[in-house]
Protein backbone atom coordinates (compact mmCIF):
# COMPACT_ATOMS: atom_id res chain seq x y z
CA UNK A 1 86.06 106.39 140.34
CA UNK A 2 83.85 107.79 137.60
CA UNK A 3 86.62 110.23 136.67
CA UNK A 4 89.08 107.36 136.16
CA UNK A 5 86.52 105.38 134.17
CA UNK A 6 85.95 108.32 131.83
CA UNK A 7 89.70 108.86 131.53
CA UNK A 8 90.38 105.26 130.55
CA UNK A 9 87.47 105.19 128.11
CA UNK A 10 88.99 108.23 126.39
CA UNK A 11 92.44 106.61 126.30
CA UNK A 12 90.97 103.38 124.89
CA UNK A 13 89.14 105.32 122.18
CA UNK A 14 92.35 107.14 121.19
CA UNK A 15 94.32 103.91 121.04
CA UNK A 16 91.61 102.20 119.01
CA UNK A 17 91.61 105.11 116.54
CA UNK A 18 95.41 104.98 116.26
CA UNK A 19 95.40 101.22 115.67
CA UNK A 20 92.69 101.54 113.01
CA UNK A 21 94.69 104.27 111.23
CA UNK A 22 97.82 102.09 111.26
CA UNK A 23 95.88 99.12 109.89
CA UNK A 24 94.40 101.27 107.12
CA UNK A 25 97.88 102.46 106.18
CA UNK A 26 99.16 98.88 106.13
CA UNK A 27 96.26 97.84 103.93
CA UNK A 28 97.07 100.64 101.48
CA UNK A 29 100.80 99.76 101.68
CA UNK A 30 101.82 103.12 103.14
CA UNK A 31 104.76 103.27 105.51
CA UNK A 32 103.80 103.21 109.17
CA UNK A 33 106.03 105.08 111.59
CA UNK A 34 107.54 102.50 113.89
CA UNK A 35 106.37 99.68 111.64
CA UNK A 36 108.32 96.77 110.29
CA UNK A 37 111.31 97.32 108.03
CA UNK A 38 111.19 96.17 104.43
CA UNK A 39 112.31 92.62 103.72
CA UNK A 40 115.65 92.72 101.87
CA UNK A 41 115.58 91.35 98.34
CA UNK A 42 117.93 88.60 97.18
CA UNK A 43 120.98 89.83 95.23
């Protein structure tokens, strides 16, 4: 069970890092792959 615990801790750390990077990009208004599309402007 310790092997699985270590595995999931590593996965959680990777996901947390990825989420933080995406949030930082959103805060700096960079495009995020797989993010939301731009809101269309009125004609």
